[in-house]
Amino acid sequence: MKVLLTGAFGNVGKSALQELIRQGHTVRCFDLQTRANVKAARTFKGQMEVMWGDLRRPQDVAAAVQGQDVVVHLAFIIPKISATGVDCERRPDWAYEINVGGTANLLQAMQAMPRPPKVLFTSSCHVYGRTQHQPPPRTVADPVQPVEHYTRHKIECERMVRDSGLPWSIFRLAATLPIAMILDPGMFDVPLNNRIEYVHTRDVGLAIANGVHSEEIWGKVLLIGGGPRCQFVYREIAERILEAIGVGMLPEEAFSTTPFAVDWLDTAESQRLLNYQQRDLDDYVRDLVQLLGPRLYLVRLFRPFVRQWLLSRSPYFRPPRSWWWWKLWPVPRPAG
C-alpha cells in the first residue's frame, strides 16, 4: 500500500515509518527540510521516498499526495517540546497556520484527486481538558473541553477531517514520550497526583501501521494508550525515569498543582482492532538508559548540579534557603 506520512521525522513519525517499512508498505515522507530531519532521513535511506515541503504551501502538499492510498497526518506544532523549537502556546497564530491551515491544504489536495486516499489523523487525549475530578477512564463519547491553543487546533482539525467526505479515522493519543534526553520545563506542568496514561512511541507506530491496512477503523475515533498496565499517577512516571537516569526524584514543590489535561483512557476497542499494546514503562526506561549509555555516568557524577539546573527551570520552585542544598543531595533509596 502507498502511504504518505506527514511529520515523518518527529517522535511518532519515526516509529510509524519504521513499522510501515517493516510491514512492506511503500512510504513517502513529507516534512520540513531541517538539519535534524535530514539527519533522521539518512537512517532510512533507500527504504522510503522523501519529499521536503511546507504544509502552508498548497503546491507542496498537492505534489505529496499524488498516487497515495492512505495519508497518515502527524505533522503538528505542539506545546513546549516542538521539534521546531517554538511553543505553539507562545505563537498561536503562527501555529494555527501550520496546524489548521496546513491540514485544510492537505484535505483539499486529497479531495481534488480522481481517487482520493483515506486519511488517518493523529489527535490527542488533551482534547478532553482537565478531567481529574471525573471518574476514569475517558471514552470516545466524552465531551471535548479545550484548555489551550494546541487542543483547539486539534479539535478544529478533527472536525475538518470528519466533514471532509474522505474515508477517515482519528487516533487520540495518550502521553507518548520521545526516547530522548529531553528534560523540558513542561515536565513540571503535571501535578504529581495527576492520573496519566503512557503509551510507548513504538506501540503508537504499530497502531498506525496496523490501522493503514485495517478495514474496521474508518469512520471511527479511537483512543490509543498503553492500557491498564500503563495507567499511573504522574509521580510514578517521573520518579522511575529520574531515578533511572541518575538524577533522582525532584521535590514536590517543583511541580504544578493545577490539574493537567491527561487521564486514563478506555483503549479496549483500539486494542481489539489494532493489537498494538506490546510495551510498557519498563521498556521505555530501558530504551532511555540504553540510549544514554556512558552519559549516564556523567549525569550521576554531576548529579547535584544537574538537579540544580533542572530545578532552576521549574516555574513553580521557590525554595527556602534553609533546605536548598540538601534537596540537591537526596538520600539514596535502600537496595531492594
C-alpha atoms as a PDB file:
ATOM      1  CA  MET A   1       0.000   0.000   0.000  1.00  0.00           C
ATOM      2  CA  LYS A   2       1.242   3.524  -0.799  1.00  0.00           C
ATOM      3  CA  VAL A   3       1.304   5.671   2.331  1.00  0.00           C
ATOM      4  CA  LEU A   4       2.092   9.372   2.709  1.00  0.00           C
ATOM      5  CA  LEU A   5       3.449  10.166   6.181  1.00  0.00           C
ATOM      6  CA  THR A   6       3.460  13.846   7.179  1.00  0.00           C
ATOM      7  CA  GLY A   7       5.707  14.819  10.062  1.00  0.00           C
ATOM      8  CA  ALA A   8       7.638  11.658   9.289  1.00  0.00           C
ATOM      9  CA  PHE A   9      10.767  12.520  11.250  1.00  0.00           C
ATOM     10  CA  GLY A  10       9.212  13.510  14.556  1.00  0.00           C
ATOM     11  CA  ASN A  11       8.798  11.300  17.620  1.00  0.00           C
ATOM     12  CA  VAL A  12       5.758   9.296  16.480  1.00  0.00           C
ATOM     13  CA  GLY A  13       6.649   9.765  12.818  1.00  0.00           C
ATOM     14  CA  LYS A  14       9.885   7.789  13.041  1.00  0.00           C
ATOM     15  CA  SER A  15       8.131   4.979  14.937  1.00  0.00           C
ATOM     16  CA  ALA A  16       5.352   4.823  12.337  1.00  0.00           C
ATOM     17  CA  LEU A  17       7.851   4.972   9.477  1.00  0.00           C
ATOM     18  CA  GLN A  18       9.886   2.106  10.907  1.00  0.00           C
ATOM     19  CA  GLU A  19       6.811  -0.109  11.290  1.00  0.00           C
ATOM     20  CA  LEU A  20       5.297   0.802   7.917  1.00  0.00           C
ATOM     21  CA  ILE A  21       8.563  -0.157   6.219  1.00  0.00           C
ATOM     22  CA  ARG A  22       8.760  -3.383   8.221  1.00  0.00           C
ATOM     23  CA  GLN A  23       5.253  -4.321   7.088  1.00  0.00           C
ATOM     24  CA  GLY A  24       6.176  -3.782   3.436  1.00  0.00           C
ATOM     25  CA  HIS A  25       4.320  -0.558   2.631  1.00  0.00           C
ATOM     26  CA  THR A  26       5.658   1.951   0.105  1.00  0.00           C
ATOM     27  CA  VAL A  27       6.154   5.110   2.161  1.00  0.00           C
ATOM     28  CA  ARG A  28       6.521   8.708   1.031  1.00  0.00           C
ATOM     29  CA  CYS A  29       7.722  11.050   3.792  1.00  0.00           C
ATOM     30  CA  PHE A  30       6.693  14.714   3.874  1.00  0.00           C
ATOM     31  CA  ASP A  31       8.437  17.061   6.295  1.00  0.00           C
ATOM     32  CA  LEU A  32      10.357  20.296   6.583  1.00  0.00           C
ATOM     33  CA  GLN A  33      13.947  20.172   5.348  1.00  0.00           C
ATOM     34  CA  THR A  34      15.699  20.938   8.630  1.00  0.00           C
ATOM     35  CA  ARG A  35      19.122  19.705   9.672  1.00  0.00           C
ATOM     36  CA  ALA A  36      17.581  17.306  12.210  1.00  0.00           C
ATOM     37  CA  ASN A  37      15.087  15.919   9.701  1.00  0.00           C
ATOM     38  CA  VAL A  38      17.728  15.414   7.011  1.00  0.00           C
ATOM     39  CA  LYS A  39      19.860  13.516   9.533  1.00  0.00           C
ATOM     40  CA  ALA A  40      16.872  11.346  10.530  1.00  0.00           C
ATOM     41  CA  ALA A  41      16.042  10.651   6.877  1.00  0.00           C
ATOM     42  CA  ARG A  42      19.528   9.246   6.293  1.00  0.00           C
ATOM     43  CA  THR A  43      18.717   6.486   8.787  1.00  0.00           C
ATOM     44  CA  PHE A  44      16.043   5.199   6.378  1.00  0.00           C
ATOM     45  CA  LYS A  45      17.947   5.908   3.151  1.00  0.00           C
ATOM     46  CA  GLY A  46      16.814   3.668   0.303  1.00  0.00           C
ATOM     47  CA  GLN A  47      13.789   2.389   2.236  1.00  0.00           C
ATOM     48  CA  MET A  48      11.381   5.246   1.514  1.00  0.00           C
ATOM     49  CA  GLU A  49      10.852   8.364  -0.605  1.00  0.00           C
ATOM     50  CA  VAL A  50      11.318  11.860   0.824  1.00  0.00           C
ATOM     51  CA  MET A  51       9.509  14.985  -0.339  1.00  0.00           C
ATOM     52  CA  TRP A  52      10.596  18.097   1.529  1.00  0.00           C
ATOM     53  CA  GLY A  53       7.959  20.781   1.789  1.00  0.00           C
ATOM     54  CA  ASP A  54       5.735  23.020   3.903  1.00  0.00           C
ATOM     55  CA  LEU A  55       2.092  22.311   4.756  1.00  0.00           C
ATOM     56  CA  ARG A  56       1.364  26.004   4.291  1.00  0.00           C
ATOM     57  CA  ARG A  57       2.227  25.770   0.568  1.00  0.00           C
ATOM     58  CA  PRO A  58      -0.662  24.119  -1.334  1.00  0.00           C
ATOM     59  CA  GLN A  59       1.631  23.219  -4.248  1.00  0.00           C
ATOM     60  CA  ASP A  60       3.942  21.226  -1.941  1.00  0.00           C
ATOM     61  CA  VAL A  61       1.013  19.345  -0.443  1.00  0.00           C
ATOM     62  CA  ALA A  62      -0.646  18.665  -3.808  1.00  0.00           C
ATOM     63  CA  ALA A  63       2.557  17.080  -5.107  1.00  0.00           C
ATOM     64  CA  ALA A  64       2.968  14.952  -1.985  1.00  0.00           C
ATOM     65  CA  VAL A  65      -0.497  13.342  -2.054  1.00  0.00           C
ATOM     66  CA  GLN A  66      -0.334  12.223  -5.674  1.00  0.00           C
ATOM     67  CA  GLY A  67      -0.706   8.461  -6.118  1.00  0.00           C
ATOM     68  CA  GLN A  68      -1.176   7.673  -2.423  1.00  0.00           C
ATOM     69  CA  ASP A  69      -3.672   5.193  -0.945  1.00  0.00           C
ATOM     70  CA  VAL A  70      -3.567   6.454   2.652  1.00  0.00           C
ATOM     71  CA  VAL A  71      -2.365   9.715   4.197  1.00  0.00           C
ATOM     72  CA  VAL A  72      -1.186   9.499   7.816  1.00  0.00           C
ATOM     73  CA  HIS A  73      -1.210  13.088   9.065  1.00  0.00           C
ATOM     74  CA  LEU A  74       1.120  13.558  12.040  1.00  0.00           C
ATOM     75  CA  ALA A  75       2.684  16.961  11.349  1.00  0.00           C
ATOM     76  CA  PHE A  76       1.649  19.434  14.059  1.00  0.00           C
ATOM     77  CA  ILE A  77       3.172  22.219  16.152  1.00  0.00           C
ATOM     78  CA  ILE A  78       2.863  21.168  19.800  1.00  0.00           C
ATOM     79  CA  PRO A  79       3.454  22.863  23.175  1.00  0.00           C
ATOM     80  CA  LYS A  80       6.856  23.015  24.863  1.00  0.00           C
ATOM     81  CA  ILE A  81       8.880  20.285  23.114  1.00  0.00           C
ATOM     82  CA  SER A  82       8.020  21.029  19.479  1.00  0.00           C
ATOM     83  CA  ALA A  83      10.746  19.933  17.059  1.00  0.00           C
ATOM     84  CA  THR A  84      10.550  23.432  15.561  1.00  0.00           C
ATOM     85  CA  GLY A  85      11.824  24.896  18.817  1.00  0.00           C
ATOM     86  CA  VAL A  86       8.716  27.097  19.010  1.00  0.00           C
ATOM     87  CA  ASP A  87       5.955  26.519  21.576  1.00  0.00           C
ATOM     88  CA  CYS A  88       2.539  26.711  19.884  1.00  0.00           C
ATOM     89  CA  GLU A  89       1.164  28.412  23.011  1.00  0.00           C
ATOM     90  CA  ARG A  90       3.635  31.281  22.615  1.00  0.00           C
ATOM     91  CA  ARG A  91       2.959  31.763  18.896  1.00  0.00           C
ATOM     92  CA  PRO A  92      -0.626  30.518  18.419  1.00  0.00           C
ATOM     93  CA  ASP A  93      -1.325  32.430  15.188  1.00  0.00           C
ATOM     94  CA  TRP A  94       1.776  31.014  13.507  1.00  0.00           C
ATOM     95  CA  ALA A  95       0.972  27.525  14.825  1.00  0.00           C
ATOM     96  CA  TYR A  96      -2.615  27.856  13.558  1.00  0.00           C
ATOM     97  CA  GLU A  97      -1.341  28.476  10.012  1.00  0.00           C
ATOM     98  CA  ILE A  98       0.536  25.178  10.120  1.00  0.00           C
ATOM     99  CA  ASN A  99      -1.789  23.055  12.238  1.00  0.00           C
ATOM    100  CA  VAL A 100      -5.190  24.081  10.932  1.00  0.00           C
ATOM    101  CA  GLY A 101      -4.278  25.809   7.672  1.00  0.00           C
ATOM    102  CA  GLY A 102      -1.881  23.019   6.734  1.00  0.00           C
ATOM    103  CA  THR A 103      -4.476  20.350   7.478  1.00  0.00           C
ATOM    104  CA  ALA A 104      -7.010  22.230   5.329  1.00  0.00           C
ATOM    105  CA  ASN A 105      -4.473  22.324   2.459  1.00  0.00           C
ATOM    106  CA  LEU A 106      -3.870  18.591   2.826  1.00  0.00           C
ATOM    107  CA  LEU A 107      -7.560  17.688   2.805  1.00  0.00           C
ATOM    108  CA  GLN A 108      -8.272  19.931  -0.195  1.00  0.00           C
ATOM    109  CA  ALA A 109      -5.423  18.337  -2.154  1.00  0.00           C
ATOM    110  CA  MET A 110      -6.791  14.876  -1.355  1.00  0.00           C
ATOM    111  CA  GLN A 111     -10.351  15.855  -2.310  1.00  0.00           C
ATOM    112  CA  ALA A 112      -9.118  17.104  -5.688  1.00  0.00           C
ATOM    113  CA  MET A 113      -7.685  13.704  -6.663  1.00  0.00           C
ATOM    114  CA  PRO A 114      -9.606  11.397  -9.038  1.00  0.00           C
ATOM    115  CA  ARG A 115      -9.297   8.615  -6.454  1.00  0.00           C
ATOM    116  CA  PRO A 116      -8.980  10.348  -3.080  1.00  0.00           C
ATOM    117  CA  PRO A 117      -6.939   8.478  -0.455  1.00  0.00           C
ATOM    118  CA  LYS A 118      -8.029   7.684   3.084  1.00  0.00           C
ATOM    119  CA  VAL A 119      -6.822   9.954   5.901  1.00  0.00           C
ATOM    120  CA  LEU A 120      -5.653   8.835   9.353  1.00  0.00           C
ATOM    121  CA  PHE A 121      -5.281  11.876  11.630  1.00  0.00           C
ATOM    122  CA  THR A 122      -3.484  11.746  14.976  1.00  0.00           C
ATOM    123  CA  SER A 123      -5.106  13.834  17.680  1.00  0.00           C
ATOM    124  CA  SER A 124      -4.548  13.841  21.449  1.00  0.00           C
ATOM    125  CA  CYS A 125      -6.211  12.933  24.720  1.00  0.00           C
ATOM    126  CA  HIS A 126      -5.592  16.596  25.662  1.00  0.00           C
ATOM    127  CA  VAL A 127      -8.865  17.397  23.870  1.00  0.00           C
ATOM    128  CA  TYR A 128     -10.809  16.222  26.969  1.00  0.00           C
ATOM    129  CA  GLY A 129      -9.344  19.032  29.060  1.00  0.00           C
ATOM    130  CA  ARG A 130      -8.920  18.810  32.817  1.00  0.00           C
ATOM    131  CA  THR A 131     -10.812  15.709  33.945  1.00  0.00           C
ATOM    132  CA  GLN A 132      -9.154  14.721  37.220  1.00  0.00           C
ATOM    133  CA  HIS A 133     -12.398  15.480  39.090  1.00  0.00           C
ATOM    134  CA  GLN A 134     -14.236  12.874  36.970  1.00  0.00           C
ATOM    135  CA  PRO A 135     -14.046   9.107  37.423  1.00  0.00           C
ATOM    136  CA  PRO A 136     -11.767   7.462  34.844  1.00  0.00           C
ATOM    137  CA  PRO A 137     -11.377   6.289  32.174  1.00  0.00           C
ATOM    138  CA  ARG A 138     -12.047   8.746  29.385  1.00  0.00           C
ATOM    139  CA  THR A 139     -14.040   7.355  26.464  1.00  0.00           C
ATOM    140  CA  VAL A 140     -14.636   8.417  22.870  1.00  0.00           C
ATOM    141  CA  ALA A 141     -18.107   9.591  23.916  1.00  0.00           C
ATOM    142  CA  ASP A 142     -16.776  12.073  26.495  1.00  0.00           C
ATOM    143  CA  PRO A 143     -17.170  15.764  25.551  1.00  0.00           C
ATOM    144  CA  VAL A 144     -14.107  17.722  24.454  1.00  0.00           C
ATOM    145  CA  GLN A 145     -13.069  20.656  26.664  1.00  0.00           C
ATOM    146  CA  PRO A 146     -10.077  22.520  25.156  1.00  0.00           C
ATOM    147  CA  VAL A 147      -7.909  24.457  27.606  1.00  0.00           C
ATOM    148  CA  GLU A 148      -5.098  25.596  25.266  1.00  0.00           C
ATOM    149  CA  HIS A 149      -4.438  26.622  21.660  1.00  0.00           C
ATOM    150  CA  TYR A 150      -2.965  23.206  20.866  1.00  0.00           C
ATOM    151  CA  THR A 151      -6.180  21.362  21.724  1.00  0.00           C
ATOM    152  CA  ARG A 152      -8.341  23.958  19.975  1.00  0.00           C
ATOM    153  CA  HIS A 153      -6.300  23.302  16.853  1.00  0.00           C
ATOM    154  CA  LYS A 154      -6.650  19.525  17.263  1.00  0.00           C
ATOM    155  CA  ILE A 155     -10.422  19.761  17.730  1.00  0.00           C
ATOM    156  CA  GLU A 156     -10.841  22.005  14.677  1.00  0.00           C
ATOM    157  CA  CYS A 157      -8.748  19.603  12.607  1.00  0.00           C
ATOM    158  CA  GLU A 158     -10.788  16.627  13.842  1.00  0.00           C
ATOM    159  CA  ARG A 159     -13.939  18.406  12.664  1.00  0.00           C
ATOM    160  CA  MET A 160     -12.439  19.144   9.245  1.00  0.00           C
ATOM    161  CA  VAL A 161     -11.361  15.521   8.844  1.00  0.00           C
ATOM    162  CA  ARG A 162     -14.821  14.194   9.751  1.00  0.00           C
ATOM    163  CA  ASP A 163     -16.521  16.698   7.395  1.00  0.00           C
ATOM    164  CA  SER A 164     -14.104  16.139   4.501  1.00  0.00           C
ATOM    165  CA  GLY A 165     -16.109  13.446   2.727  1.00  0.00           C
ATOM    166  CA  LEU A 166     -12.964  11.281   2.710  1.00  0.00           C
ATOM    167  CA  PRO A 167     -12.664   7.904   4.417  1.00  0.00           C
ATOM    168  CA  TRP A 168     -11.175   8.916   7.778  1.00  0.00           C
ATOM    169  CA  SER A 169     -10.016   7.697  11.161  1.00  0.00           C
ATOM    170  CA  ILE A 170      -8.863   9.735  14.156  1.00  0.00           C
ATOM    171  CA  PHE A 171      -6.419   8.412  16.762  1.00  0.00           C
ATOM    172  CA  ARG A 172      -6.373  10.313  20.072  1.00  0.00           C
ATOM    173  CA  LEU A 173      -3.010   9.528  21.645  1.00  0.00           C
ATOM    174  CA  ALA A 174      -2.094   9.174  25.306  1.00  0.00           C
ATOM    175  CA  ALA A 175       1.220  10.565  26.617  1.00  0.00           C
ATOM    176  CA  THR A 176       3.812   9.425  24.059  1.00  0.00           C
ATOM    177  CA  LEU A 177       7.235  10.285  25.444  1.00  0.00           C
ATOM    178  CA  PRO A 178      10.120  10.529  22.960  1.00  0.00           C
ATOM    179  CA  ILE A 179      13.057   8.206  23.561  1.00  0.00           C
ATOM    180  CA  ALA A 180      15.463  11.098  24.047  1.00  0.00           C
ATOM    181  CA  MET A 181      17.161  13.027  26.817  1.00  0.00           C
ATOM    182  CA  ILE A 182      14.719  15.939  26.728  1.00  0.00           C
ATOM    183  CA  LEU A 183      14.332  17.428  30.204  1.00  0.00           C
ATOM    184  CA  ASP A 184      11.933  20.190  29.226  1.00  0.00           C
ATOM    185  CA  PRO A 185      10.317  22.677  31.658  1.00  0.00           C
ATOM    186  CA  GLY A 186       6.998  21.145  30.585  1.00  0.00           C
ATOM    187  CA  MET A 187       7.816  18.157  32.803  1.00  0.00           C
ATOM    188  CA  PHE A 188       6.900  20.336  35.791  1.00  0.00           C
ATOM    189  CA  ASP A 189       3.430  21.267  34.479  1.00  0.00           C
ATOM    190  CA  VAL A 190       1.845  17.962  35.531  1.00  0.00           C
ATOM    191  CA  PRO A 191       0.905  17.592  39.235  1.00  0.00           C
ATOM    192  CA  LEU A 192       2.432  14.535  40.851  1.00  0.00           C
ATOM    193  CA  ASN A 193      -1.013  13.141  41.774  1.00  0.00           C
ATOM    194  CA  ASN A 194      -2.420  13.646  38.240  1.00  0.00           C
ATOM    195  CA  ARG A 195      -3.666  10.485  36.502  1.00  0.00           C
ATOM    196  CA  ILE A 196      -1.763   9.892  33.278  1.00  0.00           C
ATOM    197  CA  GLU A 197      -1.667   7.066  30.758  1.00  0.00           C
ATOM    198  CA  TYR A 198       1.602   6.297  28.994  1.00  0.00           C
ATOM    199  CA  VAL A 199       1.989   4.666  25.585  1.00  0.00           C
ATOM    200  CA  HIS A 200       5.314   3.672  24.047  1.00  0.00           C
ATOM    201  CA  THR A 201       6.100   5.542  20.836  1.00  0.00           C
ATOM    202  CA  ARG A 202       6.806   2.254  19.029  1.00  0.00           C
ATOM    203  CA  ASP A 203       3.385   0.922  20.043  1.00  0.00           C
ATOM    204  CA  VAL A 204       1.816   4.048  18.520  1.00  0.00           C
ATOM    205  CA  GLY A 205       3.807   3.363  15.350  1.00  0.00           C
ATOM    206  CA  LEU A 206       2.486  -0.187  15.353  1.00  0.00           C
ATOM    207  CA  ALA A 207      -1.103   1.023  15.848  1.00  0.00           C
ATOM    208  CA  ILE A 208      -0.739   3.392  12.881  1.00  0.00           C
ATOM    209  CA  ALA A 209       0.792   0.741  10.605  1.00  0.00           C
ATOM    210  CA  ASN A 210      -1.850  -1.815  11.558  1.00  0.00           C
ATOM    211  CA  GLY A 211      -4.546   0.803  11.013  1.00  0.00           C
ATOM    212  CA  VAL A 212      -3.415   1.588   7.486  1.00  0.00           C
ATOM    213  CA  HIS A 213      -4.459  -1.835   6.205  1.00  0.00           C
ATOM    214  CA  SER A 214      -7.430  -2.321   8.555  1.00  0.00           C
ATOM    215  CA  GLU A 215     -10.944  -2.303   7.127  1.00  0.00           C
ATOM    216  CA  GLU A 216     -12.577  -1.620  10.507  1.00  0.00           C
ATOM    217  CA  ILE A 217     -11.109   1.678  11.720  1.00  0.00           C
ATOM    218  CA  TRP A 218     -12.569   4.018   9.104  1.00  0.00           C
ATOM    219  CA  GLY A 219     -15.201   6.429  10.337  1.00  0.00           C
ATOM    220  CA  LYS A 220     -14.078   5.864  13.945  1.00  0.00           C
ATOM    221  CA  VAL A 221     -12.324   7.848  16.667  1.00  0.00           C
ATOM    222  CA  LEU A 222     -10.002   5.539  18.613  1.00  0.00           C
ATOM    223  CA  LEU A 223      -8.142   6.121  21.880  1.00  0.00           C
ATOM    224  CA  ILE A 224      -4.519   4.963  21.660  1.00  0.00           C
ATOM    225  CA  GLY A 225      -2.882   4.278  25.038  1.00  0.00           C
ATOM    226  CA  GLY A 226      -0.771   1.704  26.764  1.00  0.00           C
ATOM    227  CA  GLY A 227      -3.709   0.016  28.502  1.00  0.00           C
ATOM    228  CA  PRO A 228      -4.280  -0.694  32.214  1.00  0.00           C
ATOM    229  CA  ARG A 229      -0.635  -1.594  32.956  1.00  0.00           C
ATOM    230  CA  CYS A 230       0.401   1.851  31.678  1.00  0.00           C
ATOM    231  CA  GLN A 231      -2.017   3.836  33.847  1.00  0.00           C
ATOM    232  CA  PHE A 232      -0.209   5.756  36.585  1.00  0.00           C
ATOM    233  CA  VAL A 233      -0.219   8.890  38.637  1.00  0.00           C
ATOM    234  CA  TYR A 234       2.479  11.194  37.344  1.00  0.00           C
ATOM    235  CA  ARG A 235       4.674  10.779  40.426  1.00  0.00           C
ATOM    236  CA  GLU A 236       5.273   7.129  39.458  1.00  0.00           C
ATOM    237  CA  ILE A 237       6.403   8.025  35.942  1.00  0.00           C
ATOM    238  CA  ALA A 238       8.590  10.975  36.953  1.00  0.00           C
ATOM    239  CA  GLU A 239      10.228   9.034  39.784  1.00  0.00           C
ATOM    240  CA  ARG A 240      11.053   5.963  37.697  1.00  0.00           C
ATOM    241  CA  ILE A 241      12.564   7.978  34.862  1.00  0.00           C
ATOM    242  CA  LEU A 242      14.528  10.402  37.036  1.00  0.00           C
ATOM    243  CA  GLU A 243      15.883   7.609  39.225  1.00  0.00           C
ATOM    244  CA  ALA A 244      16.853   5.519  36.178  1.00  0.00           C
ATOM    245  CA  ILE A 245      18.925   8.293  34.592  1.00  0.00           C
ATOM    246  CA  GLY A 246      20.672   9.082  37.875  1.00  0.00           C
ATOM    247  CA  VAL A 247      19.058  12.434  38.665  1.00  0.00           C
ATOM    248  CA  GLY A 248      16.791  11.215  41.446  1.00  0.00           C
ATOM    249  CA  MET A 249      13.255  12.323  42.184  1.00  0.00           C
ATOM    250  CA  LEU A 250      12.828  16.089  42.484  1.00  0.00           C
ATOM    251  CA  PRO A 251      10.965  17.809  45.325  1.00  0.00           C
ATOM    252  CA  GLU A 252       7.199  18.071  45.110  1.00  0.00           C
ATOM    253  CA  GLU A 253       7.435  21.862  45.290  1.00  0.00           C
ATOM    254  CA  ALA A 254       8.903  21.885  41.766  1.00  0.00           C
ATOM    255  CA  PHE A 255       5.666  20.619  40.193  1.00  0.00           C
ATOM    256  CA  SER A 256       2.412  22.374  39.377  1.00  0.00           C
ATOM    257  CA  THR A 257      -0.739  21.837  41.410  1.00  0.00           C
ATOM    258  CA  THR A 258      -3.114  22.775  38.553  1.00  0.00           C
ATOM    259  CA  PRO A 259      -4.714  19.641  37.029  1.00  0.00           C
ATOM    260  CA  PHE A 260      -3.225  18.741  33.651  1.00  0.00           C
ATOM    261  CA  ALA A 261      -5.193  17.651  30.581  1.00  0.00           C
ATOM    262  CA  VAL A 262      -4.261  13.958  30.551  1.00  0.00           C
ATOM    263  CA  ASP A 263      -6.060  10.956  32.045  1.00  0.00           C
ATOM    264  CA  TRP A 264      -6.576   7.208  31.825  1.00  0.00           C
ATOM    265  CA  LEU A 265      -8.244   6.011  28.615  1.00  0.00           C
ATOM    266  CA  ASP A 266     -10.610   3.237  27.578  1.00  0.00           C
ATOM    267  CA  THR A 267      -8.496   1.532  24.905  1.00  0.00           C
ATOM    268  CA  ALA A 268     -10.396  -1.774  24.675  1.00  0.00           C
ATOM    269  CA  GLU A 269     -11.758  -1.005  21.190  1.00  0.00           C
ATOM    270  CA  SER A 270      -8.468   0.236  19.740  1.00  0.00           C
ATOM    271  CA  GLN A 271      -6.581  -2.764  21.133  1.00  0.00           C
ATOM    272  CA  ARG A 272      -9.196  -5.138  19.685  1.00  0.00           C
ATOM    273  CA  LEU A 273      -8.879  -3.598  16.236  1.00  0.00           C
ATOM    274  CA  LEU A 274      -5.152  -2.841  16.167  1.00  0.00           C
ATOM    275  CA  ASN A 275      -3.441  -5.261  18.592  1.00  0.00           C
ATOM    276  CA  TYR A 276      -0.635  -2.816  19.375  1.00  0.00           C
ATOM    277  CA  GLN A 277      -0.113  -2.785  23.170  1.00  0.00           C
ATOM    278  CA  GLN A 278       3.206  -4.611  23.469  1.00  0.00           C
ATOM    279  CA  ARG A 279       5.380  -2.373  25.666  1.00  0.00           C
ATOM    280  CA  ASP A 280       5.151  -0.581  28.998  1.00  0.00           C
ATOM    281  CA  LEU A 281       7.048   1.982  31.071  1.00  0.00           C
ATOM    282  CA  ASP A 282       9.789  -0.508  31.924  1.00  0.00           C
ATOM    283  CA  ASP A 283      10.536  -0.841  28.210  1.00  0.00           C
ATOM    284  CA  TYR A 284      10.723   2.930  27.888  1.00  0.00           C
ATOM    285  CA  VAL A 285      13.123   3.234  30.819  1.00  0.00           C
ATOM    286  CA  ARG A 286      15.361   0.505  29.360  1.00  0.00           C
ATOM    287  CA  ASP A 287      15.327   2.220  25.955  1.00  0.00           C
ATOM    288  CA  LEU A 288      16.263   5.553  27.531  1.00  0.00           C
ATOM    289  CA  VAL A 289      19.086   4.087  29.614  1.00  0.00           C
ATOM    290  CA  GLN A 290      20.457   2.284  26.556  1.00  0.00           C
ATOM    291  CA  LEU A 291      20.292   5.490  24.511  1.00  0.00           C
ATOM    292  CA  LEU A 292      22.194   7.472  27.134  1.00  0.00           C
ATOM    293  CA  GLY A 293      24.913   4.827  27.509  1.00  0.00           C
ATOM    294  CA  PRO A 294      28.142   6.256  29.013  1.00  0.00           C
ATOM    295  CA  ARG A 295      26.480   9.656  29.509  1.00  0.00           C
ATOM    296  CA  LEU A 296      24.651   8.154  32.488  1.00  0.00           C
ATOM    297  CA  TYR A 297      27.932   8.195  34.412  1.00  0.00           C
ATOM    298  CA  LEU A 298      28.326  11.900  33.732  1.00  0.00           C
ATOM    299  CA  VAL A 299      24.784  12.601  34.939  1.00  0.00           C
ATOM    300  CA  ARG A 300      25.455  10.674  38.144  1.00  0.00           C
ATOM    301  CA  LEU A 301      28.862  12.283  38.634  1.00  0.00           C
ATOM    302  CA  PHE A 302      27.427  15.788  38.354  1.00  0.00           C
ATOM    303  CA  ARG A 303      24.101  14.868  39.968  1.00  0.00           C
ATOM    304  CA  PRO A 304      23.736  17.890  42.315  1.00  0.00           C
ATOM    305  CA  PHE A 305      24.499  20.333  39.502  1.00  0.00           C
ATOM    306  CA  VAL A 306      22.073  18.596  37.134  1.00  0.00           C
ATOM    307  CA  ARG A 307      19.393  18.747  39.828  1.00  0.00           C
ATOM    308  CA  GLN A 308      20.095  22.418  40.470  1.00  0.00           C
ATOM    309  CA  TRP A 309      19.856  23.150  36.744  1.00  0.00           C
ATOM    310  CA  LEU A 310      16.571  21.241  36.456  1.00  0.00           C
ATOM    311  CA  LEU A 311      15.047  22.935  39.471  1.00  0.00           C
ATOM    312  CA  SER A 312      16.054  26.326  38.082  1.00  0.00           C
ATOM    313  CA  ARG A 313      13.869  25.554  35.036  1.00  0.00           C
ATOM    314  CA  SER A 314      10.742  24.907  37.094  1.00  0.00           C
ATOM    315  CA  PRO A 315       8.422  27.930  37.123  1.00  0.00           C
ATOM    316  CA  TYR A 316       6.895  26.672  40.387  1.00  0.00           C
ATOM    317  CA  PHE A 317      10.012  26.138  42.506  1.00  0.00           C
ATOM    318  CA  ARG A 318      10.750  28.800  45.117  1.00  0.00           C
ATOM    319  CA  PRO A 319      12.849  27.048  47.798  1.00  0.00           C
ATOM    320  CA  PRO A 320      13.503  28.463  51.254  1.00  0.00           C
ATOM    321  CA  ARG A 321      17.242  28.920  51.705  1.00  0.00           C
ATOM    322  CA  SER A 322      17.225  26.613  54.701  1.00  0.00           C
ATOM    323  CA  TRP A 323      16.747  23.460  52.643  1.00  0.00           C
ATOM    324  CA  TRP A 324      18.093  24.274  49.182  1.00  0.00           C
ATOM    325  CA  TRP A 325      21.313  22.275  49.351  1.00  0.00           C
ATOM    326  CA  TRP A 326      20.092  19.090  50.990  1.00  0.00           C
ATOM    327  CA  LYS A 327      17.369  18.806  48.361  1.00  0.00           C
ATOM    328  CA  LEU A 328      20.148  18.681  45.770  1.00  0.00           C
ATOM    329  CA  TRP A 329      21.668  15.687  47.562  1.00  0.00           C
ATOM    330  CA  PRO A 330      18.716  13.287  48.015  1.00  0.00           C
ATOM    331  CA  VAL A 331      19.116  10.355  50.350  1.00  0.00           C
ATOM    332  CA  PRO A 332      19.705   7.227  48.227  1.00  0.00           C
ATOM    333  CA  ARG A 333      16.983   4.602  48.316  1.00  0.00           C
ATOM    334  CA  PRO A 334      17.828   1.386  50.141  1.00  0.00           C
ATOM    335  CA  ALA A 335      18.528  -1.561  47.836  1.00  0.00           C
ATOM    336  CA  GLY A 336      15.589  -3.923  47.285  1.00  0.00           C
END
